[in-house]
Amino acid sequence: MEKRMTLDLKTLRDAGAGTAAAFRCATDHQPAGGPGDEVFPPTQEVSKYATEERIDPETGEVKPCVLLDSVQSQANRMELALLEAHRAGKVTLPQSNSVRNPDQRPR
């Protein structure tokens, strides 16, 4: 099992001043209704659940899992949060000011 550490503001600042590119956070969650309550995962295309296989770290067994969230969904939320923070003047982001000629059509 991995050694767990506390992620505090000092650790974030030190990482931001160095070469860190990402953080990994492993958490245990329970449904809002309490342990054992039902959850309702989002559906994808024609009412199917998004699934993937995971390896149980304790047994090494491969198990099918239903995703409650996806990397794409998280990225979309982060993109919107960054845009809102940028528009509110809370963060600065690199910008591209290129303009495409509407008369140029991709071939």
Protein backbone atom coordinates (compact mmCIF):
# COMPACT_ATOMS: atom_id res chain seq x y z
CA MET A 1 0.00 0.00 0.00
CA GLU A 2 1.20 3.51 -0.81
CA LYS A 3 2.40 5.86 1.90
CA ARG A 4 -0.16 8.60 2.35
CA MET A 5 0.75 12.18 3.08
CA THR A 6 -1.16 15.32 3.91
CA LEU A 7 -1.54 17.80 1.09
CA ASP A 8 -1.37 21.21 2.71
CA LEU A 9 -0.75 24.75 1.44
CA LYS A 10 3.01 24.57 2.05
CA THR A 11 3.28 21.36 0.01
CA LEU A 12 1.28 22.98 -2.83
CA ARG A 13 3.43 26.12 -2.79
CA ASP A 14 6.66 24.12 -2.76
CA ALA A 15 5.43 21.97 -5.64
CA GLY A 16 4.30 25.01 -7.64
CA ALA A 17 7.74 26.56 -7.21
CA GLY A 18 9.37 23.32 -8.39
CA THR A 19 8.63 20.87 -11.16
CA ALA A 20 5.38 19.18 -10.06
CA ALA A 21 2.96 18.62 -12.93
CA ALA A 22 0.08 16.91 -11.12
CA PHE A 23 -1.29 15.65 -7.82
CA ARG A 24 -2.98 12.34 -7.20
CA CYS A 25 -5.66 12.16 -4.55
CA ALA A 26 -7.15 8.86 -3.35
CA THR A 27 -10.27 9.19 -1.23
CA ASP A 28 -13.01 6.93 0.04
CA HIS A 29 -16.55 8.18 -0.53
CA GLN A 30 -20.00 7.20 0.68
CA PRO A 31 -23.33 8.00 -1.00
CA ALA A 32 -25.05 11.19 0.15
CA GLY A 33 -27.80 9.04 1.69
CA GLY A 34 -25.25 7.20 3.83
CA PRO A 35 -23.32 3.94 3.61
CA GLY A 36 -25.00 1.36 1.40
CA ASP A 37 -27.44 3.83 -0.19
CA GLU A 38 -28.00 3.81 -3.96
CA VAL A 39 -26.09 6.03 -6.35
CA PHE A 40 -27.20 6.98 -9.83
CA PRO A 41 -24.29 7.15 -12.28
CA PRO A 42 -24.65 9.25 -15.41
CA THR A 43 -25.53 7.39 -18.56
CA GLN A 44 -23.68 7.55 -21.86
CA GLU A 45 -25.12 6.97 -25.34
CA VAL A 46 -28.44 5.15 -25.37
CA SER A 47 -28.75 4.89 -21.56
CA LYS A 48 -25.60 2.83 -21.00
CA TYR A 49 -23.34 3.27 -18.01
CA ALA A 50 -19.69 4.13 -18.64
CA THR A 51 -17.60 1.24 -17.35
CA GLU A 52 -13.97 0.26 -17.04
CA GLU A 53 -11.93 -2.44 -15.37
CA ARG A 54 -9.96 -1.74 -12.20
CA ILE A 55 -7.41 -3.81 -10.33
CA ASP A 56 -8.22 -4.44 -6.67
CA PRO A 57 -5.02 -3.31 -4.89
CA GLU A 58 -5.52 -5.87 -2.10
CA THR A 59 -6.16 -8.95 -4.25
CA GLY A 60 -4.84 -8.02 -7.71
CA GLU A 61 -8.19 -9.17 -9.12
CA VAL A 62 -9.54 -7.32 -12.17
CA LYS A 63 -13.06 -6.05 -11.46
CA PRO A 64 -15.59 -4.24 -13.66
CA CYS A 65 -16.58 -0.80 -12.35
CA VAL A 66 -19.23 1.77 -13.27
CA LEU A 67 -17.75 5.26 -13.52
CA LEU A 68 -19.40 7.98 -11.49
CA ASP A 69 -17.26 10.65 -13.14
CA SER A 70 -14.84 10.79 -16.04
CA VAL A 71 -11.58 12.53 -16.83
CA GLN A 72 -13.36 14.37 -19.67
CA SER A 73 -16.15 15.56 -17.37
CA GLN A 74 -13.66 16.74 -14.77
CA ALA A 75 -11.64 18.56 -17.46
CA ASN A 76 -14.79 20.31 -18.71
CA ARG A 77 -15.58 21.54 -15.19
CA MET A 78 -12.01 22.71 -14.66
CA GLU A 79 -12.05 24.53 -18.00
CA LEU A 80 -15.21 26.41 -17.00
CA ALA A 81 -13.82 27.20 -13.52
CA LEU A 82 -10.60 28.55 -15.04
CA LEU A 83 -12.54 30.64 -17.56
CA GLU A 84 -14.73 32.13 -14.81
CA ALA A 85 -11.68 32.87 -12.63
CA HIS A 86 -9.91 34.46 -15.62
CA ARG A 87 -12.90 36.63 -16.50
CA ALA A 88 -13.18 37.70 -12.85
CA GLY A 89 -9.52 38.74 -12.87
CA LYS A 90 -8.56 36.13 -10.26
CA VAL A 91 -6.02 34.29 -12.46
CA THR A 92 -4.04 35.07 -15.59
CA LEU A 93 -3.80 32.58 -18.40
CA PRO A 94 -1.79 32.55 -21.62
CA GLN A 95 -3.88 33.71 -24.55
CA SER A 96 -3.71 33.30 -28.30
CA ASN A 97 -4.87 36.22 -30.38
CA SER A 98 -4.74 34.50 -33.75
CA VAL A 99 -7.55 35.28 -36.17
CA ARG A 100 -8.59 32.89 -38.90
CA ASN A 101 -9.75 34.31 -42.18
CA PRO A 102 -13.35 33.09 -42.62
CA ASP A 103 -12.73 32.80 -46.38
CA GLN A 104 -10.09 30.11 -45.79
CA ARG A 105 -11.71 26.71 -45.74
CA PRO A 106 -9.98 23.53 -44.62
CA ARG A 107 -9.29 21.19 -47.54
